[in-house]
N, C-alpha and C. Protein backbone atom coordinates (compact mmCIF):
# COMPACT_ATOMS: atom_id res chain seq x y z
N UNK A 1 -13.85 7.25 12.03
CA UNK A 1 -12.55 6.49 12.43
C UNK A 1 -11.55 7.81 12.70
N UNK A 2 -10.29 7.10 13.55
CA UNK A 2 -8.67 8.23 13.15
C UNK A 2 -7.87 7.36 13.44
N UNK A 3 -6.42 8.05 13.95
CA UNK A 3 -5.52 7.81 13.27
C UNK A 3 -5.06 5.90 14.28
N UNK A 4 -5.31 6.15 15.07
CA UNK A 4 -5.35 5.04 16.18
C UNK A 4 -6.16 4.10 15.54
N UNK A 5 -7.78 4.08 14.88
CA UNK A 5 -8.24 2.75 14.19
C UNK A 5 -7.14 2.63 13.23
N UNK A 6 -6.96 3.44 12.74
CA UNK A 6 -6.74 3.04 11.24
C UNK A 6 -5.27 1.72 11.83
N UNK A 7 -4.39 2.54 12.26
CA UNK A 7 -2.96 1.81 13.27
C UNK A 7 -4.02 0.41 13.27
N UNK A 8 -4.88 0.76 14.65
CA UNK A 8 -5.34 -1.12 15.14
C UNK A 8 -5.26 -1.76 14.20
N UNK A 9 -6.52 -1.03 13.18
CA UNK A 9 -6.94 -2.54 11.93
C UNK A 9 -5.69 -2.70 10.77
N UNK A 10 -4.57 -2.11 10.74
CA UNK A 10 -3.90 -2.30 9.87
C UNK A 10 -2.52 -3.21 10.40
N UNK A 11 -2.49 -3.50 11.80
CA UNK A 11 -2.04 -4.11 12.46
C UNK A 11 -2.35 -5.09 12.97
N UNK A 12 -3.60 -5.44 12.32
CA UNK A 12 -4.82 -6.77 12.54
C UNK A 12 -3.95 -7.77 11.60
N UNK A 13 -4.28 -6.97 10.35
CA UNK A 13 -3.49 -7.71 9.45
C UNK A 13 -2.21 -8.75 9.38
N UNK A 14 -2.08 -10.06 8.66
CA UNK A 14 -1.88 -11.06 9.33
C UNK A 14 0.03 -10.12 8.71
N UNK A 15 0.84 -10.83 9.41
CA UNK A 15 2.51 -10.23 9.33
C UNK A 15 2.66 -8.85 9.54
N UNK A 16 1.78 -8.01 9.49
CA UNK A 16 1.93 -6.09 9.47
C UNK A 16 2.65 -6.10 10.64
N UNK A 17 3.48 -4.85 10.31
CA UNK A 17 4.43 -4.36 11.68
C UNK A 17 4.13 -2.92 11.14
N UNK A 18 4.68 -2.01 11.65
CA UNK A 18 4.96 0.15 12.26
C UNK A 18 6.14 -0.62 11.73
N UNK A 19 6.04 0.50 11.15
CA UNK A 19 7.89 1.24 10.37
C UNK A 19 7.27 2.59 10.48
N UNK A 20 8.71 3.46 9.80
CA UNK A 20 8.76 4.75 10.00
C UNK A 20 9.32 5.31 8.76
N UNK A 21 8.67 6.31 7.90
CA UNK A 21 8.99 6.80 6.77
C UNK A 21 8.86 8.12 6.87
N UNK A 22 10.50 8.62 6.33
CA UNK A 22 10.66 10.37 6.49
C UNK A 22 9.95 10.60 8.17
N UNK A 23 9.87 10.39 8.80
CA UNK A 23 8.98 10.59 10.02
C UNK A 23 7.84 10.29 10.24
N UNK A 24 7.23 9.61 9.52
CA UNK A 24 5.70 9.19 9.42
C UNK A 24 5.39 7.35 9.85
N UNK A 25 4.57 7.19 10.29
CA UNK A 25 4.30 5.77 10.72
C UNK A 25 3.62 5.69 9.26
N UNK A 26 4.29 4.54 9.23
CA UNK A 26 3.73 3.56 7.61
C UNK A 26 3.53 2.05 8.43
N UNK A 27 3.23 1.24 7.56
CA UNK A 27 2.46 -0.11 7.99
C UNK A 27 2.97 -1.03 6.97
N UNK A 28 3.71 -2.48 7.22
CA UNK A 28 4.51 -3.13 6.08
C UNK A 28 4.17 -4.61 5.88
N UNK A 29 4.49 -5.02 5.35
CA UNK A 29 3.99 -7.02 5.18
C UNK A 29 5.56 -7.05 4.40
N UNK A 30 6.00 -7.72 5.11
CA UNK A 30 7.32 -8.28 4.32
C UNK A 30 8.45 -7.55 3.89
N UNK A 31 7.97 -6.36 4.84
CA UNK A 31 9.09 -4.78 4.70
C UNK A 31 9.07 -4.45 3.98
N UNK A 32 7.80 -4.25 3.36
CA UNK A 32 7.21 -3.01 2.13
C UNK A 32 6.23 -2.77 2.77
N UNK A 33 5.64 -1.68 2.46
CA UNK A 33 4.63 -0.39 2.56
C UNK A 33 3.07 -0.68 2.20
N UNK A 34 2.45 -0.70 2.76
CA UNK A 34 1.42 -1.03 2.20
C UNK A 34 0.31 0.03 2.55
N UNK A 35 0.09 0.99 3.82
CA UNK A 35 -0.25 2.17 4.06
C UNK A 35 0.67 3.07 5.07
N UNK A 36 -0.04 3.91 5.24
CA UNK A 36 0.76 5.06 5.92
C UNK A 36 -0.39 5.82 6.54
N UNK A 37 0.08 6.98 7.52
CA UNK A 37 -0.09 7.82 8.56
C UNK A 37 0.42 9.09 7.95
N UNK A 38 0.79 9.51 7.24
CA UNK A 38 1.61 10.69 6.44
C UNK A 38 0.89 11.71 6.51
N UNK A 39 -0.51 11.34 6.07
CA UNK A 39 -1.16 12.71 5.94
C UNK A 39 -1.73 12.81 6.90
N UNK A 40 -1.95 12.48 8.00
CA UNK A 40 -2.75 12.45 8.96
C UNK A 40 -2.87 13.97 9.88
N UNK A 41 -2.24 15.09 9.53
CA UNK A 41 -2.27 16.35 10.28
C UNK A 41 -3.67 17.06 9.66
N UNK A 42 -3.80 16.25 8.47
CA UNK A 42 -5.21 16.75 7.27
C UNK A 42 -6.23 15.85 6.72
N UNK A 43 -6.11 14.77 7.93
CA UNK A 43 -7.29 14.04 8.38
C UNK A 43 -6.79 12.64 7.49
N UNK A 44 -6.14 12.29 7.11
CA UNK A 44 -6.20 11.09 5.91
C UNK A 44 -5.24 10.28 6.78
N UNK A 45 -5.61 8.63 6.05
CA UNK A 45 -4.57 7.47 5.79
C UNK A 45 -4.22 7.06 4.77
N UNK A 46 -3.16 6.69 4.03
CA UNK A 46 -2.86 7.35 2.89
C UNK A 46 -2.60 5.29 2.77
N UNK A 47 -3.28 5.20 1.17
CA UNK A 47 -3.31 3.32 1.01
C UNK A 47 -2.41 2.85 -0.19
N UNK A 48 -1.75 1.99 -1.01
CA UNK A 48 -0.76 2.16 -1.43
C UNK A 48 -1.72 0.99 -2.65
N UNK A 49 -2.82 1.55 -3.19
CA UNK A 49 -3.09 0.52 -4.34
C UNK A 49 -2.79 0.50 -5.98
N UNK A 50 -3.18 0.52 -6.37
CA UNK A 50 -2.85 0.19 -7.90
C UNK A 50 -3.71 0.97 -8.34
N UNK A 51 -3.79 1.61 -10.05
CA UNK A 51 -4.47 2.74 -10.37
C UNK A 51 -6.27 2.13 -10.51
N UNK A 52 -5.94 0.65 -10.99
CA UNK A 52 -7.10 0.15 -11.39
C UNK A 52 -8.11 0.22 -9.85
N UNK A 53 -7.73 -0.60 -8.65
CA UNK A 53 -8.13 -0.35 -7.30
C UNK A 53 -8.38 1.07 -6.94
N UNK A 54 -7.67 1.78 -7.24
CA UNK A 54 -7.60 3.36 -7.13
C UNK A 54 -9.11 3.87 -7.39
N UNK A 55 -9.07 3.51 -9.16
CA UNK A 55 -10.48 4.21 -9.53
C UNK A 55 -11.72 3.80 -9.02
N UNK A 56 -11.64 2.43 -8.78
CA UNK A 56 -13.02 1.98 -7.83
C UNK A 56 -13.71 2.11 -6.50
N UNK A 57 -12.33 2.74 -5.63
CA UNK A 57 -12.46 3.50 -4.64
C UNK A 57 -13.69 4.64 -4.39
N UNK A 58 -12.45 5.52 -5.79
CA UNK A 58 -12.79 6.80 -5.54
C UNK A 58 -14.07 6.23 -6.24
N UNK A 59 -14.66 6.21 -7.15
CA UNK A 59 -16.09 6.41 -8.23
C UNK A 59 -16.94 5.80 -6.65
N UNK A 60 -16.81 4.74 -6.46
CA UNK A 60 -17.52 4.49 -5.16
C UNK A 60 -17.94 5.08 -4.33
N UNK A 61 -17.15 5.25 -3.43
CA UNK A 61 -16.84 6.66 -2.36
C UNK A 61 -16.39 7.71 -2.30
N UNK A 62 -16.71 8.70 -3.63
CA UNK A 62 -15.77 9.99 -3.69
C UNK A 62 -15.96 10.35 -2.28
N UNK A 63 -16.40 10.49 -1.28
CA UNK A 63 -16.49 11.52 0.00
C UNK A 63 -15.35 10.67 0.67
N UNK A 64 -15.05 9.36 0.83
CA UNK A 64 -14.20 8.98 1.30
C UNK A 64 -12.75 8.78 0.61
N UNK A 65 -12.53 8.60 -0.47
CA UNK A 65 -11.10 7.97 -1.30
C UNK A 65 -10.92 9.25 -2.26
N UNK A 66 -9.51 9.90 -2.06
CA UNK A 66 -9.55 10.34 -3.28
C UNK A 66 -7.93 10.33 -3.42
N UNK A 67 -7.50 10.56 -5.32
CA UNK A 67 -6.26 10.03 -5.39
C UNK A 67 -4.99 11.02 -4.63
N UNK A 68 -4.24 10.73 -3.80
CA UNK A 68 -2.58 11.99 -3.30
C UNK A 68 -2.74 12.68 -4.76
N UNK A 69 -2.47 13.76 -4.86
CA UNK A 69 -1.97 14.44 -5.77
C UNK A 69 -0.59 14.00 -5.96
N UNK A 70 -0.35 14.35 -7.45
CA UNK A 70 0.65 13.98 -8.09
C UNK A 70 0.97 12.94 -8.26
N UNK A 71 2.42 12.06 -9.00
CA UNK A 71 2.87 10.60 -9.30
C UNK A 71 2.48 10.08 -8.76
N UNK A 72 2.76 10.12 -7.06
CA UNK A 72 2.29 9.20 -6.37
C UNK A 72 1.17 8.51 -6.42
N UNK A 73 0.22 9.49 -6.78
CA UNK A 73 -1.33 8.87 -6.90
C UNK A 73 -1.81 8.39 -8.13
N UNK A 74 -1.37 8.73 -9.29
CA UNK A 74 -0.99 8.25 -10.52
C UNK A 74 -1.06 7.10 -10.46
N UNK A 75 0.37 6.60 -9.83
CA UNK A 75 0.45 5.23 -9.48
C UNK A 75 -0.16 4.10 -8.73
N UNK A 76 -1.77 4.86 -8.01
CA UNK A 76 -2.28 4.50 -7.08
C UNK A 76 -2.29 4.93 -5.55
N UNK A 77 -1.01 6.03 -5.38
CA UNK A 77 -1.41 6.61 -3.39
C UNK A 77 -2.68 6.98 -3.33
N UNK A 78 -3.53 6.20 -2.70
CA UNK A 78 -4.74 7.46 -2.57
C UNK A 78 -5.23 7.43 -0.73
N UNK A 79 -5.32 8.83 -0.82
CA UNK A 79 -5.91 9.25 0.59
C UNK A 79 -7.76 8.42 1.24
N UNK A 80 -7.22 8.13 2.23
CA UNK A 80 -8.59 7.69 3.04
C UNK A 80 -8.98 8.52 4.01
N UNK A 81 -10.23 9.14 3.84
CA UNK A 81 -10.46 10.50 4.73
C UNK A 81 -11.12 9.95 5.82
N UNK A 82 -10.43 9.56 6.85
CA UNK A 82 -10.24 9.20 8.11
C UNK A 82 -12.04 9.66 9.10
N UNK A 83 -12.43 10.69 9.28
CA UNK A 83 -13.33 10.89 9.90
C UNK A 83 -14.99 10.17 9.06
N UNK A 84 -14.72 10.23 7.47
CA UNK A 84 -16.02 10.11 7.15
C UNK A 84 -16.38 8.63 7.02
N UNK A 85 -14.69 7.52 7.14
CA UNK A 85 -15.24 6.28 6.86
C UNK A 85 -15.38 5.42 8.00
N UNK A 86 -15.99 4.53 7.44
CA UNK A 86 -16.51 3.69 8.68
C UNK A 86 -15.81 2.28 9.01
N UNK A 87 -15.89 1.91 9.92
CA UNK A 87 -14.45 0.55 10.18
C UNK A 87 -14.90 -0.22 9.42
N UNK A 88 -15.90 -1.13 8.95
CA UNK A 88 -15.92 -1.53 8.02
C UNK A 88 -14.85 -1.30 6.60
N UNK A 89 -15.19 -0.47 5.68
CA UNK A 89 -14.65 0.41 4.50
C UNK A 89 -13.25 0.89 5.10
N UNK A 90 -12.15 1.31 6.47
CA UNK A 90 -11.30 1.26 6.52
C UNK A 90 -10.73 -0.09 6.33
N UNK A 91 -11.58 -1.24 7.17
CA UNK A 91 -10.70 -3.04 7.20
C UNK A 91 -10.50 -2.78 5.89
N UNK A 92 -11.85 -2.58 4.77
CA UNK A 92 -11.59 -2.99 3.66
C UNK A 92 -10.78 -2.69 2.99
N UNK A 93 -10.44 -1.63 2.95
CA UNK A 93 -9.92 -0.81 1.94
C UNK A 93 -8.02 -1.29 2.32
N UNK A 94 -7.53 -1.27 3.83
CA UNK A 94 -6.35 -1.91 3.96
C UNK A 94 -6.38 -3.37 3.77
N UNK A 95 -7.02 -3.89 3.73
CA UNK A 95 -7.05 -5.38 3.56
C UNK A 95 -6.75 -5.50 2.05
N UNK A 96 -7.54 -4.54 0.65
CA UNK A 96 -7.17 -4.56 -0.39
C UNK A 96 -5.51 -4.44 -0.44
N UNK A 97 -4.86 -2.95 0.00
CA UNK A 97 -3.87 -2.61 -0.31
C UNK A 97 -2.83 -3.72 0.54
N UNK A 98 -3.11 -4.29 1.55
CA UNK A 98 -2.11 -5.65 1.89
C UNK A 98 -2.39 -6.54 1.00
N UNK A 99 -3.41 -7.12 0.75
CA UNK A 99 -3.08 -8.04 0.00
C UNK A 99 -2.46 -7.71 -1.03
N UNK A 100 -2.42 -6.63 -2.07
CA UNK A 100 -1.86 -6.29 -3.12
C UNK A 100 -0.36 -6.26 -3.07
N UNK A 101 -0.03 -6.10 -1.71
CA UNK A 101 1.57 -5.79 -1.35
C UNK A 101 2.09 -7.05 -1.17
N UNK A 102 1.14 -8.28 -0.84
CA UNK A 102 1.38 -9.26 -0.64
C UNK A 102 1.49 -10.17 -2.13
N UNK A 103 1.09 -10.13 -2.73
CA UNK A 103 1.08 -10.27 -4.20
C UNK A 103 2.35 -9.97 -4.90
N UNK A 104 2.78 -8.73 -4.41
CA UNK A 104 3.85 -7.63 -5.57
C UNK A 104 5.06 -8.21 -4.67
N UNK A 105 5.07 -8.74 -3.04
CA UNK A 105 6.19 -8.83 -2.50
C UNK A 105 6.22 -10.77 -3.23
N UNK A 106 5.32 -11.44 -3.60
CA UNK A 106 5.69 -12.64 -3.97
C UNK A 106 6.48 -13.03 -5.28
N UNK A 107 5.71 -11.74 -5.94
CA UNK A 107 6.70 -11.91 -7.42
C UNK A 107 7.65 -11.03 -7.56
N UNK A 108 7.94 -10.19 -6.71
CA UNK A 108 9.19 -9.68 -6.58
C UNK A 108 10.36 -10.81 -6.32
N UNK A 109 9.57 -11.90 -5.04
CA UNK A 109 10.23 -12.86 -4.72
C UNK A 109 10.60 -14.11 -5.73
N UNK A 110 10.05 -13.49 -6.66
CA UNK A 110 10.43 -14.97 -7.84
C UNK A 110 11.49 -14.57 -8.91
N UNK A 111 11.08 -13.05 -9.44
CA UNK A 111 11.97 -12.39 -10.36
C UNK A 111 13.44 -12.34 -9.97
N UNK A 112 13.43 -12.15 -9.17
CA UNK A 112 15.54 -11.53 -8.87
C UNK A 112 16.10 -12.86 -9.16
N UNK A 113 15.51 -13.85 -8.65
CA UNK A 113 15.71 -15.76 -9.54
C UNK A 113 16.09 -15.77 -10.77
N UNK A 114 14.79 -15.53 -11.13
CA UNK A 114 15.05 -15.54 -12.73
C UNK A 114 16.27 -14.50 -13.63
N UNK A 115 16.01 -13.31 -12.81
CA UNK A 115 17.13 -12.51 -13.41
C UNK A 115 18.60 -13.06 -13.46
N UNK A 116 18.28 -13.44 -12.33
CA UNK A 116 20.18 -14.18 -12.08
C UNK A 116 20.29 -14.97 -12.95
N UNK A 117 19.22 -16.21 -12.74
CA UNK A 117 19.62 -17.04 -13.94
C UNK A 117 19.78 -16.78 -15.82
N UNK A 118 19.08 -16.00 -16.11
CA UNK A 118 19.40 -14.92 -16.97
C UNK A 118 20.81 -14.16 -17.23
N UNK A 119 20.79 -13.63 -16.33
CA UNK A 119 22.49 -13.44 -16.15
C UNK A 119 23.57 -14.13 -16.49
N UNK A 120 23.43 -15.37 -15.86
CA UNK A 120 24.24 -16.26 -15.54
C UNK A 120 24.45 -17.17 -16.92
N UNK A 121 23.01 -16.66 -17.35
CA UNK A 121 23.29 -17.66 -19.10
C UNK A 121 23.63 -16.69 -20.06
N UNK A 122 23.27 -15.43 -19.76
CA UNK A 122 24.28 -14.39 -20.89
C UNK A 122 25.50 -14.11 -20.90
N UNK A 123 26.51 -14.47 -19.44
CA UNK A 123 27.68 -14.08 -18.83
C UNK A 123 28.31 -15.52 -20.15
N UNK A 124 27.67 -16.32 -19.70
CA UNK A 124 28.03 -18.32 -19.80
C UNK A 124 28.58 -17.89 -21.73
N UNK A 125 27.52 -17.20 -22.42
CA UNK A 125 26.93 -17.14 -23.91
C UNK A 125 28.26 -16.01 -24.37
N UNK A 126 29.34 -15.40 -23.47
CA UNK A 126 29.73 -14.45 -23.73
C UNK A 126 31.15 -14.96 -24.10
N UNK A 127 31.45 -16.63 -22.82
CA UNK A 127 32.91 -17.08 -22.90
C UNK A 127 33.44 -17.25 -24.34
């Protein structure tokens, strides 16, 4: 697998669009990033997973997946070694990151309305 394959698979996911973050290609759904090619110079694609998902991927395929160093990695950001991965592995991993982003987007869509209602109620109580 290579960057071209990663891009093709990422963009095959429903609603996925390519963008750019700090000069590197990223892949978004609902305007939010689920994967990037920020580390392609080192042979990696990057996935935005949660820490539990990351742990599972790293334990099952340590030759392919590894946490991104530092704070982003502790939050679930994960490298995928493209040269060692099959198309099925890349597709599956991207699908997990995409689905997580879809779920987070849905939750975020509900929270602002709830916060707004809470702020309105609090403001009314102060009167």
